[in-house]
Amino acid sequence: MYRYVMKIEGLNSREDVFTIRKLLNSEETTVVNISFNKGEVTIDTDDLLENICFILEGAGYLIEELEMI
């Protein structure tokens, strides 16, 4: 399992938090935690980073910073 911490352009409202969580949460492979105040998204996943980027970009969100922990 990998942990990614990212700042996402377009994370501007609580509605965005719910949308991103809905897009990325998966009971089996991915858990998403979002700190709206910091503008950070933490993802624990077995999924490929390319898939996560594809999902976010398809919904209109861009990753500004990315760190793998």
Protein backbone atom coordinates (compact mmCIF):
# COMPACT_ATOMS: atom_id res chain seq x y z
CA MET A 1 0.00 0.00 0.00
CA TYR A 2 1.22 3.49 -0.85
CA ARG A 3 0.47 6.82 0.80
CA TYR A 4 0.31 9.97 -1.29
CA VAL A 5 -0.09 13.48 0.08
CA MET A 6 -1.11 16.02 -2.53
CA LYS A 7 -2.35 19.55 -2.93
CA ILE A 8 -5.09 19.78 -5.51
CA GLU A 9 -6.01 22.80 -7.59
CA GLY A 10 -9.77 23.24 -7.53
CA LEU A 11 -10.24 22.11 -3.94
CA ASN A 12 -12.15 25.26 -3.04
CA SER A 13 -15.26 24.17 -1.18
CA ARG A 14 -16.76 21.48 0.99
CA GLU A 15 -18.58 20.26 -2.11
CA ASP A 16 -15.19 19.60 -3.72
CA VAL A 17 -14.19 17.58 -0.65
CA PHE A 18 -17.25 15.35 -1.03
CA THR A 19 -16.71 15.02 -4.78
CA ILE A 20 -13.05 14.02 -4.47
CA ARG A 21 -13.82 11.59 -1.66
CA LYS A 22 -16.60 10.01 -3.76
CA LEU A 23 -14.34 9.75 -6.81
CA LEU A 24 -11.42 8.10 -5.03
CA ASN A 25 -12.76 6.13 -2.05
CA SER A 26 -12.93 2.42 -2.64
CA GLU A 27 -13.77 -0.08 0.07
CA GLU A 28 -11.10 -2.49 -1.10
CA THR A 29 -8.19 -0.47 -2.46
CA THR A 30 -8.26 3.20 -1.48
CA VAL A 31 -8.92 5.35 1.58
CA VAL A 32 -9.02 9.14 1.18
CA ASN A 33 -8.61 11.73 3.93
CA ILE A 34 -8.99 15.40 3.07
CA SER A 35 -7.92 18.41 5.11
CA PHE A 36 -9.91 21.25 3.58
CA ASN A 37 -8.17 23.89 5.72
CA LYS A 38 -4.73 22.80 4.50
CA GLY A 39 -5.96 21.99 1.01
CA GLU A 40 -4.34 18.56 1.29
CA VAL A 41 -5.55 15.16 0.22
CA THR A 42 -3.99 12.02 1.72
CA ILE A 43 -4.59 8.80 -0.16
CA ASP A 44 -3.72 5.30 1.09
CA THR A 45 -4.02 3.02 -1.92
CA ASP A 46 -2.90 0.00 -3.88
CA ASP A 47 -4.06 1.75 -7.05
CA LEU A 48 -1.57 3.17 -9.56
CA LEU A 49 -0.80 6.87 -9.34
CA GLU A 50 -1.61 7.19 -13.05
CA ASN A 51 -5.16 5.99 -12.36
CA ILE A 52 -5.61 8.48 -9.53
CA CYS A 53 -4.35 11.33 -11.72
CA PHE A 54 -6.64 10.24 -14.57
CA ILE A 55 -9.69 10.19 -12.28
CA LEU A 56 -8.93 13.60 -10.76
CA GLU A 57 -8.09 15.27 -14.07
CA GLY A 58 -11.21 13.81 -15.66
CA ALA A 59 -13.26 15.53 -12.96
CA GLY A 60 -11.46 18.86 -13.45
CA TYR A 61 -8.97 18.73 -10.57
CA LEU A 62 -5.22 19.18 -11.05
CA ILE A 63 -2.47 18.00 -8.71
CA GLU A 64 -0.25 20.95 -7.75
CA GLU A 65 2.12 19.11 -5.38
CA LEU A 66 2.65 15.42 -4.76
CA GLU A 67 4.62 13.55 -2.13
CA MET A 68 4.85 9.80 -1.71
CA ILE A 69 5.35 8.69 1.87
